[in-house]
Amino acid sequence: MHQKQDNPTVIFCDNKSAIAICKNPVFHERSKHIDIRFHKIRELVTEKEVLINYCHTEEQIADIFTKPLKAELFYKLKKMLGMTKI
């Protein structure tokens, strides 16, 4: 969109292993099967274009769109999204 961005894009992730692989450019034996095109995130983290932050699973709002949830967690995430009953 050709808009200047002053701060890095923050990505919230609830997978500590994925965060470790992104932040550590050292070759991991368990990640050698990952195609080279998926290593772009490492480059973006190194260049400080992207910032990866840990987020507890109970606070991962995207889960409302991707997983079946218990009613209690569903309503909590729905409220976090700002959805209200009209």
C-alpha atoms as a PDB file:
ATOM      1  CA  MET A   1       0.000   0.000   0.000  1.00  0.00           C
ATOM      2  CA  HIS A   2       3.111   2.188  -0.072  1.00  0.00           C
ATOM      3  CA  GLN A   3       2.543   3.557   3.435  1.00  0.00           C
ATOM      4  CA  LYS A   4       5.569   4.211   5.652  1.00  0.00           C
ATOM      5  CA  GLN A   5       5.557   2.125   8.810  1.00  0.00           C
ATOM      6  CA  ASP A   6       7.629   3.421  11.724  1.00  0.00           C
ATOM      7  CA  ASN A   7       7.330   0.393  13.987  1.00  0.00           C
ATOM      8  CA  PRO A   8       7.689  -3.323  13.270  1.00  0.00           C
ATOM      9  CA  THR A   9       4.587  -5.418  12.658  1.00  0.00           C
ATOM     10  CA  VAL A  10       3.775  -7.331  15.831  1.00  0.00           C
ATOM     11  CA  ILE A  11       2.698 -10.957  15.442  1.00  0.00           C
ATOM     12  CA  PHE A  12       1.282 -12.724  18.497  1.00  0.00           C
ATOM     13  CA  CYS A  13       1.970 -16.451  18.640  1.00  0.00           C
ATOM     14  CA  ASP A  14       1.060 -19.087  21.241  1.00  0.00           C
ATOM     15  CA  ASN A  15       3.682 -21.599  20.069  1.00  0.00           C
ATOM     16  CA  LYS A  16       6.991 -21.170  21.914  1.00  0.00           C
ATOM     17  CA  SER A  17       8.807 -23.565  19.567  1.00  0.00           C
ATOM     18  CA  ALA A  18       7.771 -21.557  16.513  1.00  0.00           C
ATOM     19  CA  ILE A  19       8.939 -18.347  18.206  1.00  0.00           C
ATOM     20  CA  ALA A  20      12.321 -19.911  19.037  1.00  0.00           C
ATOM     21  CA  ILE A  21      12.828 -21.048  15.440  1.00  0.00           C
ATOM     22  CA  CYS A  22      11.948 -17.560  14.149  1.00  0.00           C
ATOM     23  CA  LYS A  23      14.235 -15.704  16.531  1.00  0.00           C
ATOM     24  CA  ASN A  24      17.235 -18.037  16.396  1.00  0.00           C
ATOM     25  CA  PRO A  25      18.921 -18.140  12.987  1.00  0.00           C
ATOM     26  CA  VAL A  26      20.985 -21.176  14.006  1.00  0.00           C
ATOM     27  CA  PHE A  27      20.241 -24.311  12.000  1.00  0.00           C
ATOM     28  CA  HIS A  28      17.884 -26.596  13.916  1.00  0.00           C
ATOM     29  CA  GLU A  29      17.980 -30.331  13.241  1.00  0.00           C
ATOM     30  CA  ARG A  30      14.194 -30.524  13.598  1.00  0.00           C
ATOM     31  CA  SER A  31      13.575 -27.671  11.165  1.00  0.00           C
ATOM     32  CA  LYS A  32      15.772 -28.837   8.297  1.00  0.00           C
ATOM     33  CA  HIS A  33      12.729 -30.170   6.429  1.00  0.00           C
ATOM     34  CA  ILE A  34      11.146 -26.698   6.264  1.00  0.00           C
ATOM     35  CA  ASP A  35      11.297 -25.264   2.754  1.00  0.00           C
ATOM     36  CA  ILE A  36      13.634 -22.268   2.363  1.00  0.00           C
ATOM     37  CA  ARG A  37      10.767 -19.960   1.371  1.00  0.00           C
ATOM     38  CA  PHE A  38       9.311 -20.335   4.866  1.00  0.00           C
ATOM     39  CA  HIS A  39      12.492 -18.957   6.427  1.00  0.00           C
ATOM     40  CA  LYS A  40      11.573 -15.432   5.289  1.00  0.00           C
ATOM     41  CA  ILE A  41      10.162 -14.742   8.751  1.00  0.00           C
ATOM     42  CA  ARG A  42      13.662 -15.164  10.222  1.00  0.00           C
ATOM     43  CA  GLU A  43      14.965 -12.533   7.845  1.00  0.00           C
ATOM     44  CA  LEU A  44      12.138 -10.141   8.749  1.00  0.00           C
ATOM     45  CA  VAL A  45      12.745 -10.652  12.496  1.00  0.00           C
ATOM     46  CA  THR A  46      16.486 -10.016  12.043  1.00  0.00           C
ATOM     47  CA  GLU A  47      15.765  -6.836  10.071  1.00  0.00           C
ATOM     48  CA  LYS A  48      13.300  -5.768  12.796  1.00  0.00           C
ATOM     49  CA  GLU A  49      10.466  -5.568  10.271  1.00  0.00           C
ATOM     50  CA  VAL A  50       8.472  -8.108  12.309  1.00  0.00           C
ATOM     51  CA  LEU A  51       8.329  -8.609  16.065  1.00  0.00           C
ATOM     52  CA  ILE A  52       7.142 -11.972  17.403  1.00  0.00           C
ATOM     53  CA  ASN A  53       5.515 -11.874  20.847  1.00  0.00           C
ATOM     54  CA  TYR A  54       4.261 -14.754  22.958  1.00  0.00           C
ATOM     55  CA  CYS A  55       0.551 -14.797  23.715  1.00  0.00           C
ATOM     56  CA  HIS A  56      -1.135 -17.318  26.009  1.00  0.00           C
ATOM     57  CA  THR A  57      -3.512 -19.658  24.239  1.00  0.00           C
ATOM     58  CA  GLU A  58      -6.435 -18.329  26.294  1.00  0.00           C
ATOM     59  CA  GLU A  59      -5.770 -14.829  24.913  1.00  0.00           C
ATOM     60  CA  GLN A  60      -5.183 -15.776  21.259  1.00  0.00           C
ATOM     61  CA  ILE A  61      -8.127 -13.998  19.666  1.00  0.00           C
ATOM     62  CA  ALA A  62      -7.552 -15.621  16.256  1.00  0.00           C
ATOM     63  CA  ASP A  63      -8.518 -18.989  17.783  1.00  0.00           C
ATOM     64  CA  ILE A  64     -12.165 -17.932  17.679  1.00  0.00           C
ATOM     65  CA  PHE A  65     -11.953 -18.228  13.865  1.00  0.00           C
ATOM     66  CA  THR A  66      -9.798 -21.341  13.633  1.00  0.00           C
ATOM     67  CA  LYS A  67     -10.658 -23.774  16.443  1.00  0.00           C
ATOM     68  CA  PRO A  68     -13.651 -25.310  18.149  1.00  0.00           C
ATOM     69  CA  LEU A  69     -13.745 -23.752  21.625  1.00  0.00           C
ATOM     70  CA  LYS A  70     -15.500 -24.347  24.907  1.00  0.00           C
ATOM     71  CA  ALA A  71     -18.354 -21.888  25.442  1.00  0.00           C
ATOM     72  CA  GLU A  72     -16.554 -20.023  28.241  1.00  0.00           C
ATOM     73  CA  LEU A  73     -13.469 -19.329  26.116  1.00  0.00           C
ATOM     74  CA  PHE A  74     -15.592 -18.527  23.066  1.00  0.00           C
ATOM     75  CA  TYR A  75     -17.505 -15.815  24.955  1.00  0.00           C
ATOM     76  CA  LYS A  76     -14.270 -14.425  26.431  1.00  0.00           C
ATOM     77  CA  LEU A  77     -12.651 -14.113  22.986  1.00  0.00           C
ATOM     78  CA  LYS A  78     -15.875 -12.702  21.535  1.00  0.00           C
ATOM     79  CA  LYS A  79     -15.794  -9.975  24.168  1.00  0.00           C
ATOM     80  CA  MET A  80     -12.095  -9.307  23.439  1.00  0.00           C
ATOM     81  CA  LEU A  81     -13.069  -8.772  19.793  1.00  0.00           C
ATOM     82  CA  GLY A  82     -15.553  -6.135  20.903  1.00  0.00           C
ATOM     83  CA  MET A  83     -18.593  -8.078  19.745  1.00  0.00           C
ATOM     84  CA  THR A  84     -21.711  -7.295  21.743  1.00  0.00           C
ATOM     85  CA  LYS A  85     -25.331  -8.294  21.605  1.00  0.00           C
ATOM     86  CA  ILE A  86     -27.502  -5.589  20.038  1.00  0.00           C
END
